[in-house]
All heavy atoms as atom14 arrays in JSON, in Angstrom:
{
  "sequence": "RALHSVLSTKTLGSQDIRTGLAIHAKRIDTGSAWVVTNHPLGMYYDPP",
  "atom14_mask": [
    [1, 1, 1, 1, 1, 1, 1, 1, 1, 1, 1, 0, 0, 0],
    [1, 1, 1, 1, 1, 0, 0, 0, 0, 0, 0, 0, 0, 0],
    [1, 1, 1, 1, 1, 1, 1, 1, 0, 0, 0, 0, 0, 0],
    [1, 1, 1, 1, 1, 1, 1, 1, 1, 1, 0, 0, 0, 0],
    [1, 1, 1, 1, 1, 1, 0, 0, 0, 0, 0, 0, 0, 0],
    [1, 1, 1, 1, 1, 1, 1, 0, 0, 0, 0, 0, 0, 0],
    [1, 1, 1, 1, 1, 1, 1, 1, 0, 0, 0, 0, 0, 0],
    [1, 1, 1, 1, 1, 1, 0, 0, 0, 0, 0, 0, 0, 0],
    [1, 1, 1, 1, 1, 1, 1, 0, 0, 0, 0, 0, 0, 0],
    [1, 1, 1, 1, 1, 1, 1, 1, 1, 0, 0, 0, 0, 0],
    [1, 1, 1, 1, 1, 1, 1, 0, 0, 0, 0, 0, 0, 0],
    [1, 1, 1, 1, 1, 1, 1, 1, 0, 0, 0, 0, 0, 0],
    [1, 1, 1, 1, 0, 0, 0, 0, 0, 0, 0, 0, 0, 0],
    [1, 1, 1, 1, 1, 1, 0, 0, 0, 0, 0, 0, 0, 0],
    [1, 1, 1, 1, 1, 1, 1, 1, 1, 0, 0, 0, 0, 0],
    [1, 1, 1, 1, 1, 1, 1, 1, 0, 0, 0, 0, 0, 0],
    [1, 1, 1, 1, 1, 1, 1, 1, 0, 0, 0, 0, 0, 0],
    [1, 1, 1, 1, 1, 1, 1, 1, 1, 1, 1, 0, 0, 0],
    [1, 1, 1, 1, 1, 1, 1, 0, 0, 0, 0, 0, 0, 0],
    [1, 1, 1, 1, 0, 0, 0, 0, 0, 0, 0, 0, 0, 0],
    [1, 1, 1, 1, 1, 1, 1, 1, 0, 0, 0, 0, 0, 0],
    [1, 1, 1, 1, 1, 0, 0, 0, 0, 0, 0, 0, 0, 0],
    [1, 1, 1, 1, 1, 1, 1, 1, 0, 0, 0, 0, 0, 0],
    [1, 1, 1, 1, 1, 1, 1, 1, 1, 1, 0, 0, 0, 0],
    [1, 1, 1, 1, 1, 0, 0, 0, 0, 0, 0, 0, 0, 0],
    [1, 1, 1, 1, 1, 1, 1, 1, 1, 0, 0, 0, 0, 0],
    [1, 1, 1, 1, 1, 1, 1, 1, 1, 1, 1, 0, 0, 0],
    [1, 1, 1, 1, 1, 1, 1, 1, 0, 0, 0, 0, 0, 0],
    [1, 1, 1, 1, 1, 1, 1, 1, 0, 0, 0, 0, 0, 0],
    [1, 1, 1, 1, 1, 1, 1, 0, 0, 0, 0, 0, 0, 0],
    [1, 1, 1, 1, 0, 0, 0, 0, 0, 0, 0, 0, 0, 0],
    [1, 1, 1, 1, 1, 1, 0, 0, 0, 0, 0, 0, 0, 0],
    [1, 1, 1, 1, 1, 0, 0, 0, 0, 0, 0, 0, 0, 0],
    [1, 1, 1, 1, 1, 1, 1, 1, 1, 1, 1, 1, 1, 1],
    [1, 1, 1, 1, 1, 1, 1, 0, 0, 0, 0, 0, 0, 0],
    [1, 1, 1, 1, 1, 1, 1, 0, 0, 0, 0, 0, 0, 0],
    [1, 1, 1, 1, 1, 1, 1, 0, 0, 0, 0, 0, 0, 0],
    [1, 1, 1, 1, 1, 1, 1, 1, 0, 0, 0, 0, 0, 0],
    [1, 1, 1, 1, 1, 1, 1, 1, 1, 1, 0, 0, 0, 0],
    [1, 1, 1, 1, 1, 1, 1, 0, 0, 0, 0, 0, 0, 0],
    [1, 1, 1, 1, 1, 1, 1, 1, 0, 0, 0, 0, 0, 0],
    [1, 1, 1, 1, 0, 0, 0, 0, 0, 0, 0, 0, 0, 0],
    [1, 1, 1, 1, 1, 1, 1, 1, 0, 0, 0, 0, 0, 0],
    [1, 1, 1, 1, 1, 1, 1, 1, 1, 1, 1, 1, 0, 0],
    [1, 1, 1, 1, 1, 1, 1, 1, 1, 1, 1, 1, 0, 0],
    [1, 1, 1, 1, 1, 1, 1, 1, 0, 0, 0, 0, 0, 0],
    [1, 1, 1, 1, 1, 1, 1, 0, 0, 0, 0, 0, 0, 0],
    [1, 1, 1, 1, 1, 1, 1, 0, 0, 0, 0, 0, 0, 0]
  ],
  "atom14_positions": [
    [[149.26, 87.49, 55.12], [148.89, 87.66, 53.6], [147.4, 87.19, 53.31], [146.76, 87.88, 52.57], [149.9, 86.88, 52.79], [149.72, 87.16, 51.31], [150.91, 86.64, 50.52], [151.34, 85.28, 50.89], [152.52, 84.9, 51.43], [153.43, 85.75, 51.71], [152.73, 83.61, 51.56], [0.0, 0.0, 0.0], [0.0, 0.0, 0.0], [0.0, 0.0, 0.0]],
    [[147.01, 86.07, 53.81], [145.66, 85.6, 53.56], [144.67, 86.51, 54.22], [143.64, 86.91, 53.56], [145.49, 84.17, 54.17], [0.0, 0.0, 0.0], [0.0, 0.0, 0.0], [0.0, 0.0, 0.0], [0.0, 0.0, 0.0], [0.0, 0.0, 0.0], [0.0, 0.0, 0.0], [0.0, 0.0, 0.0], [0.0, 0.0, 0.0], [0.0, 0.0, 0.0]],
    [[144.89, 87.04, 55.4], [144.04, 87.96, 56.04], [143.92, 89.32, 55.28], [142.76, 89.91, 55.15], [144.33, 88.19, 57.52], [144.19, 87.01, 58.46], [144.75, 87.27, 59.85], [142.68, 86.64, 58.54], [0.0, 0.0, 0.0], [0.0, 0.0, 0.0], [0.0, 0.0, 0.0], [0.0, 0.0, 0.0], [0.0, 0.0, 0.0], [0.0, 0.0, 0.0]],
    [[145.1, 89.78, 54.86], [145.13, 91.06, 54.2], [144.25, 90.99, 52.91], [143.78, 92.06, 52.47], [146.55, 91.53, 53.89], [146.73, 92.74, 53.15], [146.6, 93.85, 53.9], [146.95, 93.08, 51.94], [146.81, 94.91, 53.04], [146.93, 94.51, 51.79], [0.0, 0.0, 0.0], [0.0, 0.0, 0.0], [0.0, 0.0, 0.0], [0.0, 0.0, 0.0]],
    [[144.17, 89.84, 52.26], [143.46, 89.69, 50.99], [142.0, 90.1, 51.21], [141.33, 90.37, 50.29], [143.63, 88.39, 50.45], [142.98, 87.36, 51.09], [0.0, 0.0, 0.0], [0.0, 0.0, 0.0], [0.0, 0.0, 0.0], [0.0, 0.0, 0.0], [0.0, 0.0, 0.0], [0.0, 0.0, 0.0], [0.0, 0.0, 0.0], [0.0, 0.0, 0.0]],
    [[141.57, 89.92, 52.54], [140.03, 90.15, 52.72], [140.0, 91.47, 53.61], [139.02, 92.28, 53.35], [139.51, 89.03, 53.62], [138.12, 89.34, 54.11], [139.53, 87.73, 52.87], [0.0, 0.0, 0.0], [0.0, 0.0, 0.0], [0.0, 0.0, 0.0], [0.0, 0.0, 0.0], [0.0, 0.0, 0.0], [0.0, 0.0, 0.0], [0.0, 0.0, 0.0]],
    [[140.86, 91.75, 54.55], [140.78, 92.89, 55.36], [141.46, 94.14, 54.91], [141.11, 95.24, 55.3], [141.16, 92.46, 56.68], [140.63, 91.34, 57.52], [141.29, 91.02, 58.84], [139.11, 91.38, 57.59], [0.0, 0.0, 0.0], [0.0, 0.0, 0.0], [0.0, 0.0, 0.0], [0.0, 0.0, 0.0], [0.0, 0.0, 0.0], [0.0, 0.0, 0.0]],
    [[142.38, 94.0, 54.02], [143.11, 95.06, 53.35], [143.72, 95.9, 54.49], [144.23, 95.46, 55.35], [142.18, 95.88, 52.47], [143.02, 96.9, 51.81], [0.0, 0.0, 0.0], [0.0, 0.0, 0.0], [0.0, 0.0, 0.0], [0.0, 0.0, 0.0], [0.0, 0.0, 0.0], [0.0, 0.0, 0.0], [0.0, 0.0, 0.0], [0.0, 0.0, 0.0]],
    [[143.58, 97.27, 54.36], [144.04, 98.16, 55.41], [143.0, 98.81, 56.36], [143.19, 99.76, 56.91], [144.87, 99.38, 54.71], [143.93, 100.1, 53.77], [146.01, 98.91, 53.85], [0.0, 0.0, 0.0], [0.0, 0.0, 0.0], [0.0, 0.0, 0.0], [0.0, 0.0, 0.0], [0.0, 0.0, 0.0], [0.0, 0.0, 0.0], [0.0, 0.0, 0.0]],
    [[141.82, 98.09, 56.3], [140.73, 98.61, 57.13], [141.18, 98.59, 58.52], [141.79, 97.71, 59.02], [139.46, 97.6, 56.89], [138.84, 97.78, 55.47], [137.71, 96.84, 55.49], [137.04, 96.97, 54.04], [137.79, 96.44, 53.03], [0.0, 0.0, 0.0], [0.0, 0.0, 0.0], [0.0, 0.0, 0.0], [0.0, 0.0, 0.0], [0.0, 0.0, 0.0]],
    [[140.65, 99.57, 59.27], [140.86, 99.71, 60.74], [139.61, 99.39, 61.53], [138.48, 99.24, 61.06], [141.43, 101.12, 61.06], [140.26, 101.98, 60.83], [142.64, 101.53, 60.14], [0.0, 0.0, 0.0], [0.0, 0.0, 0.0], [0.0, 0.0, 0.0], [0.0, 0.0, 0.0], [0.0, 0.0, 0.0], [0.0, 0.0, 0.0], [0.0, 0.0, 0.0]],
    [[139.84, 99.36, 62.9], [138.7, 99.07, 63.81], [137.63, 100.29, 63.65], [136.48, 99.97, 63.96], [139.09, 98.98, 65.2], [138.22, 98.52, 66.14], [137.64, 97.0, 65.89], [138.68, 98.44, 67.68], [0.0, 0.0, 0.0], [0.0, 0.0, 0.0], [0.0, 0.0, 0.0], [0.0, 0.0, 0.0], [0.0, 0.0, 0.0], [0.0, 0.0, 0.0]],
    [[138.07, 101.36, 63.3], [137.16, 102.53, 63.09], [136.53, 102.6, 61.66], [135.85, 103.59, 61.4], [0.0, 0.0, 0.0], [0.0, 0.0, 0.0], [0.0, 0.0, 0.0], [0.0, 0.0, 0.0], [0.0, 0.0, 0.0], [0.0, 0.0, 0.0], [0.0, 0.0, 0.0], [0.0, 0.0, 0.0], [0.0, 0.0, 0.0], [0.0, 0.0, 0.0]],
    [[136.74, 101.53, 60.85], [136.22, 101.65, 59.39], [134.67, 101.62, 59.4], [134.0, 100.92, 60.1], [136.84, 100.45, 58.66], [136.1, 100.35, 57.4], [0.0, 0.0, 0.0], [0.0, 0.0, 0.0], [0.0, 0.0, 0.0], [0.0, 0.0, 0.0], [0.0, 0.0, 0.0], [0.0, 0.0, 0.0], [0.0, 0.0, 0.0], [0.0, 0.0, 0.0]],
    [[134.21, 102.52, 58.47], [132.83, 102.66, 58.28], [132.3, 101.35, 57.59], [131.04, 101.16, 57.4], [132.33, 103.91, 57.43], [132.69, 105.07, 58.19], [132.27, 106.38, 57.52], [131.77, 106.27, 56.32], [132.46, 107.5, 58.16], [0.0, 0.0, 0.0], [0.0, 0.0, 0.0], [0.0, 0.0, 0.0], [0.0, 0.0, 0.0], [0.0, 0.0, 0.0]],
    [[133.1, 100.45, 57.08], [132.69, 99.24, 56.48], [132.26, 98.17, 57.47], [131.61, 97.24, 57.0], [133.86, 98.69, 55.65], [134.27, 99.52, 54.47], [133.37, 100.07, 53.95], [135.42, 99.53, 54.02], [0.0, 0.0, 0.0], [0.0, 0.0, 0.0], [0.0, 0.0, 0.0], [0.0, 0.0, 0.0], [0.0, 0.0, 0.0], [0.0, 0.0, 0.0]],
    [[132.6, 98.4, 58.75], [132.12, 97.51, 59.87], [130.62, 97.76, 60.04], [130.31, 98.83, 60.52], [133.01, 97.61, 61.07], [134.47, 97.33, 60.81], [132.4, 96.62, 62.11], [135.37, 97.44, 61.91], [0.0, 0.0, 0.0], [0.0, 0.0, 0.0], [0.0, 0.0, 0.0], [0.0, 0.0, 0.0], [0.0, 0.0, 0.0], [0.0, 0.0, 0.0]],
    [[129.87, 96.76, 59.89], [128.38, 97.05, 59.91], [127.68, 96.85, 61.22], [126.53, 97.14, 61.37], [127.71, 96.13, 58.81], [128.13, 96.38, 57.42], [127.87, 95.39, 56.37], [126.53, 94.9, 56.31], [125.94, 94.27, 55.29], [126.73, 94.09, 54.21], [124.73, 93.8, 55.28], [0.0, 0.0, 0.0], [0.0, 0.0, 0.0], [0.0, 0.0, 0.0]],
    [[128.41, 96.24, 62.13], [127.78, 95.83, 63.5], [128.82, 95.98, 64.49], [130.0, 96.25, 64.27], [127.06, 94.55, 63.4], [126.31, 94.51, 64.7], [128.06, 93.46, 63.39], [0.0, 0.0, 0.0], [0.0, 0.0, 0.0], [0.0, 0.0, 0.0], [0.0, 0.0, 0.0], [0.0, 0.0, 0.0], [0.0, 0.0, 0.0], [0.0, 0.0, 0.0]],
    [[128.46, 95.69, 65.82], [129.43, 95.63, 66.88], [130.46, 94.56, 66.7], [130.05, 93.41, 66.29], [0.0, 0.0, 0.0], [0.0, 0.0, 0.0], [0.0, 0.0, 0.0], [0.0, 0.0, 0.0], [0.0, 0.0, 0.0], [0.0, 0.0, 0.0], [0.0, 0.0, 0.0], [0.0, 0.0, 0.0], [0.0, 0.0, 0.0], [0.0, 0.0, 0.0]],
    [[131.66, 94.82, 67.04], [132.79, 93.86, 66.84], [133.6, 93.89, 68.01], [134.08, 94.83, 68.59], [133.63, 94.2, 65.66], [134.86, 93.28, 65.31], [134.49, 91.87, 65.06], [135.72, 93.76, 64.23], [0.0, 0.0, 0.0], [0.0, 0.0, 0.0], [0.0, 0.0, 0.0], [0.0, 0.0, 0.0], [0.0, 0.0, 0.0], [0.0, 0.0, 0.0]],
    [[134.02, 92.58, 68.57], [134.9, 92.43, 69.74], [135.92, 91.43, 69.35], [135.57, 90.16, 68.93], [134.01, 92.05, 71.0], [0.0, 0.0, 0.0], [0.0, 0.0, 0.0], [0.0, 0.0, 0.0], [0.0, 0.0, 0.0], [0.0, 0.0, 0.0], [0.0, 0.0, 0.0], [0.0, 0.0, 0.0], [0.0, 0.0, 0.0], [0.0, 0.0, 0.0]],
    [[137.19, 91.76, 69.64], [138.34, 90.78, 69.29], [139.1, 90.65, 70.5], [139.53, 91.56, 71.34], [139.25, 91.46, 68.09], [138.48, 91.6, 66.87], [140.45, 90.57, 67.94], [139.25, 92.35, 65.86], [0.0, 0.0, 0.0], [0.0, 0.0, 0.0], [0.0, 0.0, 0.0], [0.0, 0.0, 0.0], [0.0, 0.0, 0.0], [0.0, 0.0, 0.0]],
    [[139.29, 89.41, 70.93], [139.94, 88.99, 72.1], [141.4, 88.63, 71.87], [141.75, 87.83, 70.9], [139.32, 87.87, 72.87], [137.79, 88.15, 73.19], [136.83, 88.17, 72.2], [137.23, 88.5, 74.34], [135.66, 88.53, 72.82], [135.91, 88.72, 74.09], [0.0, 0.0, 0.0], [0.0, 0.0, 0.0], [0.0, 0.0, 0.0], [0.0, 0.0, 0.0]],
    [[142.39, 89.08, 72.7], [143.73, 88.81, 72.54], [144.35, 88.77, 74.02], [143.78, 89.06, 74.9], [144.53, 89.72, 71.57], [0.0, 0.0, 0.0], [0.0, 0.0, 0.0], [0.0, 0.0, 0.0], [0.0, 0.0, 0.0], [0.0, 0.0, 0.0], [0.0, 0.0, 0.0], [0.0, 0.0, 0.0], [0.0, 0.0, 0.0], [0.0, 0.0, 0.0]],
    [[145.6, 88.21, 73.91], [146.37, 88.18, 75.32], [147.67, 88.94, 75.15], [148.47, 88.68, 74.27], [146.7, 86.68, 75.67], [147.55, 86.51, 76.88], [146.67, 86.84, 78.12], [147.6, 86.47, 79.37], [146.9, 86.71, 80.55], [0.0, 0.0, 0.0], [0.0, 0.0, 0.0], [0.0, 0.0, 0.0], [0.0, 0.0, 0.0], [0.0, 0.0, 0.0]],
    [[147.82, 90.01, 75.88], [149.05, 90.83, 75.94], [150.03, 90.18, 76.91], [149.81, 90.23, 78.15], [148.76, 92.25, 76.26], [149.99, 93.11, 76.11], [149.83, 94.54, 76.32], [151.1, 95.19, 76.36], [151.26, 96.55, 76.79], [150.11, 97.27, 77.06], [152.44, 97.07, 76.69], [0.0, 0.0, 0.0], [0.0, 0.0, 0.0], [0.0, 0.0, 0.0]],
    [[150.96, 89.4, 76.4], [151.81, 88.53, 77.15], [152.71, 89.35, 78.02], [153.17, 88.81, 79.05], [152.5, 87.46, 76.27], [153.0, 86.19, 77.02], [153.62, 88.15, 75.55], [151.84, 85.51, 77.67], [0.0, 0.0, 0.0], [0.0, 0.0, 0.0], [0.0, 0.0, 0.0], [0.0, 0.0, 0.0], [0.0, 0.0, 0.0], [0.0, 0.0, 0.0]],
    [[153.26, 90.59, 77.55], [154.31, 91.27, 78.32], [153.73, 91.88, 79.62], [154.29, 92.24, 80.47], [154.9, 92.36, 77.44], [153.9, 93.31, 76.86], [152.92, 92.79, 76.15], [154.14, 94.51, 77.01], [0.0, 0.0, 0.0], [0.0, 0.0, 0.0], [0.0, 0.0, 0.0], [0.0, 0.0, 0.0], [0.0, 0.0, 0.0], [0.0, 0.0, 0.0]],
    [[152.36, 92.13, 79.64], [151.78, 92.64, 80.86], [150.87, 91.66, 81.53], [150.24, 91.8, 82.68], [150.94, 93.89, 80.57], [149.76, 93.52, 79.63], [151.76, 95.01, 79.93], [0.0, 0.0, 0.0], [0.0, 0.0, 0.0], [0.0, 0.0, 0.0], [0.0, 0.0, 0.0], [0.0, 0.0, 0.0], [0.0, 0.0, 0.0], [0.0, 0.0, 0.0]],
    [[150.64, 90.44, 80.82], [149.78, 89.46, 81.39], [148.31, 89.73, 81.34], [147.51, 89.11, 82.15], [0.0, 0.0, 0.0], [0.0, 0.0, 0.0], [0.0, 0.0, 0.0], [0.0, 0.0, 0.0], [0.0, 0.0, 0.0], [0.0, 0.0, 0.0], [0.0, 0.0, 0.0], [0.0, 0.0, 0.0], [0.0, 0.0, 0.0], [0.0, 0.0, 0.0]],
    [[147.85, 90.67, 80.55], [146.49, 91.16, 80.5], [145.8, 90.63, 79.39], [146.22, 90.51, 78.32], [146.35, 92.63, 80.56], [147.17, 93.18, 79.58], [0.0, 0.0, 0.0], [0.0, 0.0, 0.0], [0.0, 0.0, 0.0], [0.0, 0.0, 0.0], [0.0, 0.0, 0.0], [0.0, 0.0, 0.0], [0.0, 0.0, 0.0], [0.0, 0.0, 0.0]],
    [[144.53, 90.14, 79.62], [143.6, 89.8, 78.61], [142.9, 91.01, 77.85], [142.25, 91.82, 78.61], [142.54, 88.71, 79.06], [0.0, 0.0, 0.0], [0.0, 0.0, 0.0], [0.0, 0.0, 0.0], [0.0, 0.0, 0.0], [0.0, 0.0, 0.0], [0.0, 0.0, 0.0], [0.0, 0.0, 0.0], [0.0, 0.0, 0.0], [0.0, 0.0, 0.0]],
    [[143.05, 91.23, 76.71], [142.43, 92.39, 75.93], [141.18, 91.97, 75.3], [141.16, 90.98, 74.55], [143.49, 92.88, 74.93], [144.52, 93.88, 75.47], [145.11, 93.74, 76.68], [145.02, 94.92, 74.8], [146.07, 94.84, 76.79], [146.06, 95.56, 75.67], [144.82, 95.54, 73.63], [146.71, 96.76, 75.3], [145.6, 96.71, 73.17], [146.51, 97.28, 74.12]],
    [[140.24, 92.97, 75.29], [139.07, 92.8, 74.45], [138.9, 94.23, 73.79], [138.79, 95.21, 74.54], [137.79, 92.27, 75.11], [137.51, 93.18, 76.44], [136.62, 92.21, 74.2], [0.0, 0.0, 0.0], [0.0, 0.0, 0.0], [0.0, 0.0, 0.0], [0.0, 0.0, 0.0], [0.0, 0.0, 0.0], [0.0, 0.0, 0.0], [0.0, 0.0, 0.0]],
    [[139.0, 94.18, 72.44], [139.04, 95.44, 71.78], [137.71, 95.53, 70.91], [137.41, 94.61, 70.17], [140.26, 95.51, 70.76], [140.3, 96.88, 70.03], [141.58, 95.35, 71.53], [0.0, 0.0, 0.0], [0.0, 0.0, 0.0], [0.0, 0.0, 0.0], [0.0, 0.0, 0.0], [0.0, 0.0, 0.0], [0.0, 0.0, 0.0], [0.0, 0.0, 0.0]],
    [[137.02, 96.58, 71.13], [135.65, 96.77, 70.48], [135.7, 98.08, 69.74], [136.48, 98.96, 69.87], [134.51, 96.77, 71.45], [134.33, 98.09, 72.0], [134.72, 95.81, 72.57], [0.0, 0.0, 0.0], [0.0, 0.0, 0.0], [0.0, 0.0, 0.0], [0.0, 0.0, 0.0], [0.0, 0.0, 0.0], [0.0, 0.0, 0.0], [0.0, 0.0, 0.0]],
    [[134.69, 98.13, 68.77], [134.49, 99.27, 67.95], [133.39, 100.17, 68.38], [132.76, 100.94, 67.75], [134.06, 98.87, 66.42], [132.8, 98.08, 66.33], [132.43, 97.54, 67.23], [132.1, 98.23, 65.14], [0.0, 0.0, 0.0], [0.0, 0.0, 0.0], [0.0, 0.0, 0.0], [0.0, 0.0, 0.0], [0.0, 0.0, 0.0], [0.0, 0.0, 0.0]],
    [[133.15, 100.1, 69.76], [132.13, 100.87, 70.38], [132.73, 102.39, 70.44], [133.77, 102.52, 71.21], [131.68, 100.52, 71.75], [130.44, 101.06, 72.33], [130.28, 102.44, 72.58], [129.22, 100.48, 72.49], [129.07, 102.66, 72.77], [128.37, 101.48, 72.88], [0.0, 0.0, 0.0], [0.0, 0.0, 0.0], [0.0, 0.0, 0.0], [0.0, 0.0, 0.0]],
    [[132.15, 103.36, 70.03], [132.71, 104.79, 69.95], [132.85, 105.38, 71.28], [133.71, 106.2, 71.51], [131.72, 105.54, 69.05], [131.0, 104.55, 68.31], [130.89, 103.3, 69.12], [0.0, 0.0, 0.0], [0.0, 0.0, 0.0], [0.0, 0.0, 0.0], [0.0, 0.0, 0.0], [0.0, 0.0, 0.0], [0.0, 0.0, 0.0], [0.0, 0.0, 0.0]],
    [[132.18, 104.85, 72.32], [132.26, 105.46, 73.7], [133.29, 104.6, 74.52], [133.48, 104.96, 75.7], [130.95, 105.45, 74.33], [129.87, 106.33, 73.66], [128.58, 106.21, 74.5], [130.27, 107.72, 73.48], [0.0, 0.0, 0.0], [0.0, 0.0, 0.0], [0.0, 0.0, 0.0], [0.0, 0.0, 0.0], [0.0, 0.0, 0.0], [0.0, 0.0, 0.0]],
    [[133.82, 103.66, 73.95], [134.84, 102.85, 74.73], [136.1, 103.68, 75.12], [136.41, 104.8, 74.43], [0.0, 0.0, 0.0], [0.0, 0.0, 0.0], [0.0, 0.0, 0.0], [0.0, 0.0, 0.0], [0.0, 0.0, 0.0], [0.0, 0.0, 0.0], [0.0, 0.0, 0.0], [0.0, 0.0, 0.0], [0.0, 0.0, 0.0], [0.0, 0.0, 0.0]],
    [[136.64, 103.4, 76.28], [137.64, 104.2, 76.85], [138.83, 104.37, 75.96], [139.32, 105.5, 75.91], [138.18, 103.59, 78.2], [139.22, 104.32, 78.85], [139.82, 103.6, 80.44], [138.41, 103.86, 81.5], [0.0, 0.0, 0.0], [0.0, 0.0, 0.0], [0.0, 0.0, 0.0], [0.0, 0.0, 0.0], [0.0, 0.0, 0.0], [0.0, 0.0, 0.0]],
    [[139.22, 103.4, 75.26], [140.43, 103.64, 74.34], [140.1, 103.58, 72.91], [141.13, 103.66, 72.01], [141.43, 102.28, 74.7], [141.87, 102.22, 76.09], [141.34, 101.36, 76.98], [142.7, 103.23, 76.64], [141.72, 101.28, 78.29], [143.16, 103.09, 77.99], [142.71, 102.07, 78.81], [143.09, 102.11, 80.08], [0.0, 0.0, 0.0], [0.0, 0.0, 0.0]],
    [[138.78, 103.74, 72.67], [138.61, 103.73, 71.18], [139.01, 105.01, 70.55], [139.6, 105.04, 69.44], [137.02, 103.68, 71.04], [136.6, 103.7, 69.54], [136.6, 102.59, 68.77], [136.13, 104.87, 68.98], [136.26, 102.69, 67.44], [135.62, 104.89, 67.66], [135.75, 103.81, 66.93], [135.42, 103.79, 65.59], [0.0, 0.0, 0.0], [0.0, 0.0, 0.0]],
    [[138.88, 106.17, 71.21], [139.35, 107.46, 70.52], [139.66, 108.37, 71.74], [138.9, 109.36, 72.12], [138.27, 107.97, 69.77], [138.69, 109.28, 68.92], [139.81, 109.54, 68.83], [137.75, 110.11, 68.42], [0.0, 0.0, 0.0], [0.0, 0.0, 0.0], [0.0, 0.0, 0.0], [0.0, 0.0, 0.0], [0.0, 0.0, 0.0], [0.0, 0.0, 0.0]],
    [[140.78, 108.05, 72.41], [141.23, 108.89, 73.56], [141.53, 110.32, 73.24], [141.67, 110.64, 72.05], [142.41, 108.25, 74.13], [142.94, 107.43, 72.95], [141.76, 107.11, 72.16], [0.0, 0.0, 0.0], [0.0, 0.0, 0.0], [0.0, 0.0, 0.0], [0.0, 0.0, 0.0], [0.0, 0.0, 0.0], [0.0, 0.0, 0.0], [0.0, 0.0, 0.0]],
    [[141.54, 111.37, 74.17], [141.72, 112.78, 73.9], [143.04, 112.97, 73.11], [143.95, 112.16, 73.2], [141.92, 113.32, 75.25], [141.14, 112.39, 76.2], [141.29, 111.02, 75.61], [0.0, 0.0, 0.0], [0.0, 0.0, 0.0], [0.0, 0.0, 0.0], [0.0, 0.0, 0.0], [0.0, 0.0, 0.0], [0.0, 0.0, 0.0], [0.0, 0.0, 0.0]]
  ]
}
């Protein structure tokens, strides 16, 4: 609720993001460390 008050429904592809952004998380069911960025050429940013 507190985060939503600032971030609302904005997505990683939002034009409101003014610079490069990287968010780090841990996907526990696969044991993989995730880093998600808003770079348009990233492999999973906008797949086919």
